[in-house]
Protein backbone atom coordinates (compact mmCIF):
# COMPACT_ATOMS: atom_id res chain seq x y z
CA UNK A 1 38.01 -31.29 50.36
CA UNK A 2 40.26 -33.36 48.14
CA UNK A 3 42.71 -32.46 45.41
CA UNK A 4 41.52 -35.56 43.54
CA UNK A 5 37.94 -34.32 43.20
CA UNK A 6 36.67 -32.83 39.97
CA UNK A 7 35.63 -29.18 39.96
CA UNK A 8 31.98 -30.30 39.89
CA UNK A 9 32.37 -32.38 43.04
CA UNK A 10 33.94 -29.41 44.83
CA UNK A 11 30.85 -27.34 43.98
CA UNK A 12 28.20 -29.87 45.02
CA UNK A 13 25.94 -29.40 48.02
CA UNK A 14 24.54 -32.93 48.48
CA UNK A 15 21.00 -33.77 49.52
CA UNK A 16 20.69 -34.52 53.25
CA UNK A 17 18.24 -37.38 53.94
CA UNK A 18 16.27 -37.71 57.14
CA UNK A 19 18.26 -38.91 60.10
CA UNK A 20 18.47 -42.70 60.60
CA UNK A 21 20.08 -43.02 64.05
CA UNK A 22 20.52 -46.15 66.16
CA UNK A 23 18.63 -45.20 69.32
CA UNK A 24 16.85 -47.69 71.59
CA UNK A 25 13.03 -47.50 71.51
CA UNK A 26 13.20 -44.78 68.88
CA UNK A 27 9.98 -43.49 67.29
CA UNK A 28 10.90 -42.34 63.77
CA UNK A 29 8.48 -39.74 62.46
CA UNK A 30 11.00 -37.94 60.26
CA UNK A 31 11.39 -39.80 56.95
CA UNK A 32 7.81 -40.50 55.78
CA UNK A 33 8.19 -44.27 55.87
CA UNK A 34 5.12 -46.40 56.45
CA UNK A 35 4.54 -47.29 60.10
CA UNK A 36 3.14 -50.63 58.98
CA UNK A 37 4.83 -53.58 57.32
CA UNK A 38 4.24 -54.69 53.72
CA UNK A 39 1.66 -57.19 52.57
CA UNK A 40 2.35 -60.80 53.65
CA UNK A 41 2.14 -61.65 49.94
CA UNK A 42 5.18 -59.45 49.36
CA UNK A 43 7.22 -61.28 51.99
CA UNK A 44 6.15 -64.61 50.56
CA UNK A 45 7.14 -63.59 47.03
CA UNK A 46 10.55 -62.36 48.16
CA UNK A 47 11.10 -65.59 50.08
CA UNK A 48 10.26 -67.63 46.98
CA UNK A 49 12.61 -65.50 44.87
CA UNK A 50 15.48 -66.14 47.28
CA UNK A 51 16.87 -69.15 45.47
CA UNK A 52 19.52 -70.26 43.01
CA UNK A 53 18.21 -67.79 40.43
CA UNK A 54 20.04 -65.00 42.30
CA UNK A 55 23.17 -66.05 40.38
CA UNK A 56 21.47 -64.63 37.25
CA UNK A 57 20.96 -61.00 36.32
CA UNK A 58 17.40 -59.71 36.69
CA UNK A 59 15.26 -58.69 33.72
CA UNK A 60 16.81 -55.36 32.65
CA UNK A 61 13.42 -54.03 31.55
CA UNK A 62 11.38 -55.39 34.46
CA UNK A 63 8.75 -56.35 31.91
CA UNK A 64 6.44 -58.34 34.20
CA UNK A 65 6.40 -55.49 36.72
CA UNK A 66 5.74 -53.02 33.90
CA UNK A 67 2.76 -55.11 32.77
CA UNK A 68 1.39 -55.21 36.31
CA UNK A 69 1.84 -51.44 36.68
CA UNK A 70 0.23 -50.83 33.29
CA UNK A 71 -2.79 -52.83 34.41
CA UNK A 72 -2.89 -50.90 37.70
CA UNK A 73 -2.68 -47.53 35.89
CA UNK A 74 -5.02 -48.56 33.05
CA UNK A 75 -2.26 -47.90 30.51
CA UNK A 76 0.10 -49.92 28.32
CA UNK A 77 3.51 -51.35 29.22
CA UNK A 78 5.11 -48.88 26.80
CA UNK A 79 3.87 -46.10 29.09
CA UNK A 80 5.80 -47.44 32.10
CA UNK A 81 9.39 -47.03 33.28
CA UNK A 82 10.76 -48.68 36.43
CA UNK A 83 13.83 -47.73 38.44
CA UNK A 84 15.70 -48.00 41.72
CA UNK A 85 13.38 -45.83 43.78
CA UNK A 86 11.67 -42.71 42.47
CA UNK A 87 14.84 -40.73 43.26
CA UNK A 88 16.69 -42.62 40.52
CA UNK A 89 13.75 -42.12 38.16
CA UNK A 90 13.88 -38.39 38.91
CA UNK A 91 17.65 -38.27 38.39
CA UNK A 92 17.39 -40.00 35.01
CA UNK A 93 14.56 -37.63 34.05
CA UNK A 94 16.68 -34.56 34.81
CA UNK A 95 19.36 -35.95 32.49
CA UNK A 96 16.91 -36.99 29.78
CA UNK A 97 14.76 -33.86 29.58
CA UNK A 98 16.21 -30.85 31.37
CA UNK A 99 19.93 -30.65 30.55
CA UNK A 100 21.17 -27.96 28.15
CA UNK A 101 17.78 -26.30 27.81
CA UNK A 102 17.82 -22.65 26.74
CA UNK A 103 15.27 -21.75 29.43
CA UNK A 104 15.33 -22.63 33.16
CA UNK A 105 13.57 -25.54 34.79
CA UNK A 106 10.83 -24.22 37.08
CA UNK A 107 9.88 -25.63 40.48
CA UNK A 108 8.60 -24.25 43.81
CA UNK A 109 10.92 -22.59 46.31
CA UNK A 110 9.52 -24.76 49.10
CA UNK A 111 9.51 -28.31 47.78
CA UNK A 112 11.51 -31.53 47.61
CA UNK A 113 15.08 -30.43 48.32
CA UNK A 114 16.59 -32.97 45.91
CA UNK A 115 15.53 -30.87 42.88
CA UNK A 116 18.24 -28.19 43.22
CA UNK A 117 20.78 -30.93 43.98
CA UNK A 118 19.99 -32.67 40.69
CA UNK A 119 20.20 -29.33 38.89
CA UNK A 120 23.64 -28.72 40.34
CA UNK A 121 24.85 -32.24 39.55
CA UNK A 122 23.56 -32.26 35.96
CA UNK A 123 24.22 -28.56 35.31
CA UNK A 124 20.57 -27.66 34.75
CA UNK A 125 19.63 -23.99 34.91
CA UNK A 126 16.64 -23.53 37.21
CA UNK A 127 14.34 -20.94 38.73
CA UNK A 128 12.50 -21.43 42.01
CA UNK A 129 8.97 -20.06 41.98
CA UNK A 130 7.82 -18.84 45.42
CA UNK A 131 4.73 -20.40 46.92
CA UNK A 132 2.18 -17.80 47.98
CA UNK A 133 1.77 -16.64 51.57
CA UNK A 134 -0.45 -19.63 52.30
CA UNK A 135 2.24 -22.02 50.95
CA UNK A 136 0.17 -22.78 47.86
CA UNK A 137 1.43 -23.24 44.31
CA UNK A 138 -0.09 -20.64 41.97
CA UNK A 139 -0.50 -21.70 38.33
CA UNK A 140 -0.19 -18.16 36.98
CA UNK A 141 3.39 -17.99 38.25
CA UNK A 142 4.37 -20.73 35.78
CA UNK A 143 3.07 -18.88 32.73
CA UNK A 144 6.54 -17.91 31.55
CA UNK A 145 9.19 -19.31 29.21
CA UNK A 146 10.74 -22.45 30.69
CA UNK A 147 12.79 -25.53 29.95
CA UNK A 148 10.46 -27.76 31.96
CA UNK A 149 8.38 -27.81 35.13
CA UNK A 150 8.54 -30.19 38.09
CA UNK A 151 6.67 -30.25 41.38
CA UNK A 152 5.43 -32.84 43.87
CA UNK A 153 1.70 -33.39 44.19
CA UNK A 154 1.04 -33.43 47.09
CA UNK A 155 3.90 -31.05 47.71
CA UNK A 156 6.63 -31.82 50.21
CA UNK A 157 7.06 -30.71 52.90
CA UNK A 158 3.73 -28.82 52.95
CA UNK A 159 1.47 -31.78 52.11
CA UNK A 160 -0.78 -29.58 49.97
CA UNK A 161 -2.16 -30.89 46.68
CA UNK A 162 -3.37 -29.42 43.40
CA UNK A 163 -6.61 -30.73 41.89
CA UNK A 164 -6.44 -32.57 38.59
CA UNK A 165 -8.09 -29.62 36.83
CA UNK A 166 -5.14 -27.38 37.75
CA UNK A 167 -2.62 -29.90 36.43
CA UNK A 168 -4.59 -30.15 33.19
CA UNK A 169 -4.46 -26.36 32.86
CA UNK A 170 -0.71 -26.31 33.53
CA UNK A 171 -0.16 -28.91 30.81
CA UNK A 172 -2.35 -26.99 28.39
CA UNK A 173 -0.39 -23.80 29.07
CA UNK A 174 2.99 -25.53 28.51
CA UNK A 175 2.60 -27.84 25.50
CA UNK A 176 6.27 -27.59 24.50
CA UNK A 177 7.76 -28.34 27.94
CA UNK A 178 8.07 -31.58 29.85
CA UNK A 179 5.90 -31.27 32.95
CA UNK A 180 6.83 -33.71 35.72
CA UNK A 181 4.40 -34.45 38.53
CA UNK A 182 6.19 -36.16 41.42
CA UNK A 183 3.48 -38.26 43.10
CA UNK A 184 5.35 -39.88 45.98
CA UNK A 185 2.39 -39.17 48.30
CA UNK A 186 -0.54 -39.27 45.86
CA UNK A 187 -2.20 -42.32 47.43
CA UNK A 188 -3.04 -40.49 50.66
CA UNK A 189 -5.76 -38.23 49.39
CA UNK A 190 -5.45 -36.78 45.89
CA UNK A 191 -6.02 -37.92 42.32
CA UNK A 192 -3.14 -39.13 40.16
CA UNK A 193 -2.33 -37.30 36.95
CA UNK A 194 -1.52 -40.65 35.30
CA UNK A 195 -4.97 -40.58 33.72
CA UNK A 196 -3.83 -37.59 31.60
CA UNK A 197 -0.84 -39.35 30.00
CA UNK A 198 -2.71 -40.40 26.85
CA UNK A 199 -3.93 -36.82 26.36
CA UNK A 200 -0.68 -34.95 27.05
CA UNK A 201 2.55 -36.35 25.50
CA UNK A 202 4.62 -33.87 27.56
CA UNK A 203 3.44 -35.26 30.93
CA UNK A 204 5.64 -37.51 33.06
CA UNK A 205 4.30 -38.82 36.38
CA UNK A 206 6.59 -40.47 38.94
CA UNK A 207 5.53 -42.64 41.86
CA UNK A 208 7.17 -44.87 44.44
CA UNK A 209 6.54 -48.08 46.36
CA UNK A 210 8.25 -46.56 49.42
CA UNK A 211 5.28 -44.86 51.07
CA UNK A 212 1.79 -46.26 50.48
CA UNK A 213 3.07 -49.73 49.60
CA UNK A 214 5.34 -49.90 52.70
CA UNK A 215 8.38 -50.94 50.66
CA UNK A 216 10.99 -48.21 51.23
CA UNK A 217 13.60 -50.91 51.83
CA UNK A 218 13.15 -52.43 48.36
CA UNK A 219 13.84 -49.17 46.44
CA UNK A 220 11.28 -49.39 43.65
CA UNK A 221 9.99 -46.38 41.75
CA UNK A 222 8.30 -45.90 38.41
CA UNK A 223 7.32 -43.30 35.85
CA UNK A 224 4.24 -43.06 33.65
CA UNK A 225 4.38 -41.14 30.39
CA UNK A 226 4.14 -41.19 26.62
CA UNK A 227 6.22 -43.81 24.76
CA UNK A 228 8.46 -40.96 23.57
CA UNK A 229 9.31 -39.91 27.14
CA UNK A 230 9.70 -43.49 28.34
CA UNK A 231 12.12 -44.22 25.50
CA UNK A 232 14.16 -41.19 26.53
CA UNK A 233 14.39 -42.54 30.07
CA UNK A 234 15.39 -45.98 28.80
CA UNK A 235 18.17 -44.50 26.67
CA UNK A 236 19.66 -42.74 29.71
CA UNK A 237 19.15 -45.75 31.98
CA UNK A 238 20.83 -48.12 29.57
CA UNK A 239 23.77 -45.72 29.32
CA UNK A 240 24.20 -45.86 33.09
CA UNK A 241 22.85 -49.07 34.66
CA UNK A 242 20.94 -51.68 32.69
CA UNK A 243 19.86 -53.57 35.84
CA UNK A 244 18.41 -51.01 38.30
CA UNK A 245 16.01 -53.45 40.00
CA UNK A 246 17.18 -56.75 41.47
CA UNK A 247 15.19 -59.97 41.43
CA UNK A 248 13.86 -59.54 44.98
CA UNK A 249 12.69 -55.99 44.35
CA UNK A 250 10.91 -57.03 41.16
CA UNK A 251 9.20 -59.94 42.90
CA UNK A 252 8.17 -57.88 45.92
CA UNK A 253 6.76 -54.95 43.94
CA UNK A 254 4.78 -57.21 41.65
CA UNK A 255 3.32 -59.06 44.64
CA UNK A 256 2.33 -55.76 46.25
CA UNK A 257 0.24 -54.92 43.18
CA UNK A 258 -1.54 -58.26 43.59
CA UNK A 259 -2.79 -57.30 47.07
CA UNK A 260 -4.67 -54.05 46.51
CA UNK A 261 -6.96 -54.66 49.48
CA UNK A 262 -3.99 -54.57 51.84
CA UNK A 263 -2.61 -51.42 50.19
CA UNK A 264 -5.96 -49.63 50.41
CA UNK A 265 -6.32 -50.62 54.07
CA UNK A 266 -2.89 -49.15 54.89
CA UNK A 267 -3.70 -45.90 53.09
CA UNK A 268 -6.99 -45.50 54.92
CA UNK A 269 -5.39 -46.17 58.30
CA UNK A 270 -2.86 -43.42 57.65
CA UNK A 271 -5.52 -41.00 56.40
CA UNK A 272 -7.57 -41.60 59.54
CA UNK A 273 -4.48 -41.10 61.71
CA UNK A 274 -3.70 -37.85 59.88
CA UNK A 275 -7.09 -36.38 60.64
CA UNK A 276 -6.86 -37.34 64.31
CA UNK A 277 -3.30 -36.07 64.76
CA UNK A 278 -4.17 -32.81 63.01
CA UNK A 279 -7.03 -32.23 65.45
CA UNK A 280 -4.84 -33.00 68.46
CA UNK A 281 -2.00 -30.75 67.31
CA UNK A 282 -4.40 -27.88 66.69
CA UNK A 283 -5.71 -28.30 70.24
CA UNK A 284 -2.11 -27.82 71.42
CA UNK A 285 -1.84 -24.54 69.51
CA UNK A 286 -0.12 -25.74 66.33
CA UNK A 287 -1.17 -24.38 62.94
CA UNK A 288 -1.46 -27.46 60.74
CA UNK A 289 -1.52 -27.16 56.96
CA UNK A 290 -4.21 -29.22 55.18
CA UNK A 291 -2.29 -32.36 54.19
CA UNK A 292 -2.96 -34.97 51.53
CA UNK A 293 0.22 -36.88 52.37
CA UNK A 294 1.36 -39.36 55.03
CA UNK A 295 2.71 -36.50 57.14
CA UNK A 296 1.52 -33.22 58.58
CA UNK A 297 3.27 -29.87 58.38
CA UNK A 298 2.68 -27.97 61.58
CA UNK A 299 3.74 -24.49 62.68
CA UNK A 300 4.71 -24.41 66.35
CA UNK A 301 2.58 -22.42 68.82
CA UNK A 302 3.48 -18.77 69.35
CA UNK A 303 6.63 -18.41 71.43
CA UNK A 304 7.79 -21.98 70.82
CA UNK A 305 10.98 -22.34 68.76
CA UNK A 306 10.84 -25.22 66.26
CA UNK A 307 14.57 -25.94 66.39
CA UNK A 308 14.51 -26.23 70.16
CA UNK A 309 11.33 -28.31 70.17
CA UNK A 310 12.84 -30.72 67.61
CA UNK A 311 15.88 -31.18 69.87
CA UNK A 312 13.69 -31.72 72.93
CA UNK A 313 11.67 -34.38 71.12
CA UNK A 314 14.87 -36.10 70.04
CA UNK A 315 15.95 -36.31 73.68
CA UNK A 316 12.70 -38.22 74.25
CA UNK A 317 13.56 -40.64 71.38
CA UNK A 318 11.02 -38.99 69.06
CA UNK A 319 12.33 -37.89 65.67
CA UNK A 320 10.51 -35.32 63.52
CA UNK A 321 11.87 -33.33 60.56
CA UNK A 322 12.79 -29.65 60.83
CA UNK A 323 13.88 -27.49 57.89
CA UNK A 324 15.91 -24.39 58.69
CA UNK A 325 14.75 -22.57 55.56
CA UNK A 326 13.19 -19.10 55.44
CA UNK A 327 9.39 -19.06 55.84
CA UNK A 328 9.22 -22.63 57.14
CA UNK A 329 11.82 -22.58 59.94
CA UNK A 330 9.09 -22.63 62.58
CA UNK A 331 7.39 -25.72 61.17
CA UNK A 332 7.75 -29.41 61.98
CA UNK A 333 7.10 -32.10 59.39
CA UNK A 334 5.71 -35.08 61.25
CA UNK A 335 5.29 -38.48 59.60
CA UNK A 336 2.14 -40.35 60.57
CA UNK A 337 3.04 -43.27 62.81
CA UNK A 338 0.93 -45.99 64.37
CA UNK A 339 -1.85 -44.89 66.70
CA UNK A 340 0.37 -45.66 69.68
CA UNK A 341 3.30 -43.69 68.24
CA UNK A 342 1.11 -40.70 67.43
CA UNK A 343 -0.29 -40.66 70.96
CA UNK A 344 3.20 -40.87 72.43
CA UNK A 345 4.13 -37.82 70.36
CA UNK A 346 1.05 -35.87 71.45
CA UNK A 347 1.57 -36.66 75.12
CA UNK A 348 5.26 -35.73 74.91
CA UNK A 349 4.39 -32.43 73.23
CA UNK A 350 1.84 -31.69 75.95
CA UNK A 351 4.47 -32.25 78.61
CA UNK A 352 7.09 -30.14 76.80
CA UNK A 353 4.73 -27.25 76.09
CA UNK A 354 3.61 -27.12 79.71
CA UNK A 355 7.14 -26.71 81.07
């Protein structure tokens, strides 16, 4: 604690990211990064952009990337916003749409743990809506006065996804609220709500290049919404940081969009790995939630403590994510790795569970 901090800083409980330790031969299955590298076209584009032009500021609007994303999403450039990772896009959205509302922002009680952090930082009143006993989001629970709604689809850390018909119904039921669908994991098995943007001016969809595009190190995220919402984001962005994406990030993200075959191949590899790992974990006695993400959410077998098992795996240089929250404190969130990494995990779990 410091006497120089503002009262707000004293009250903050910061978000805690997944551990990034320096351990030899470590297998990291705790932060939902891609186990595979980016497209060779991305590396080539970044290499070409590493030149004398780095002395110049990047395009503050990222217009060429916006055009490429608009083409990818079958929308217009005015429907696209780009930022320094989807976390920055989310943070700007909280400031643009949810501050000083007369009703609370609604989001699930088991979800991305950055949401309450943003609410605390930007002084946004919020209400957490409990998932049902099966860890599913129930639309009827959101039929109440609100100052906005946000949820990931697929949800994190459960990996469960709502169908597009449910999202359409949610938007129809809340025409006067901004509804944000956080699609960090959408490319691993569910349909994007971006196709509804033209129909619903209150819809904002966020996505990231960190997962399915294997570019977590570049920090590129984007939002898709009506021109009205995008302009709101731009007004906040340009009051904070006019240059959120550097020249290398812009070049790399645009090149990724030019190699859709590579992107689709990566997604399918991870989907196939997810189905195989789910089967193997269930054979070991885990209860695995049906995932549409690049991770699985697995309840430990009866009599096996998740905290202890996480520590035992770490001793074997295997990192998984454990959340010590009520209702999910006996679950492990396991990022899909390469086939070899997944098999190392399964074999290690077999050995640990037999002792």
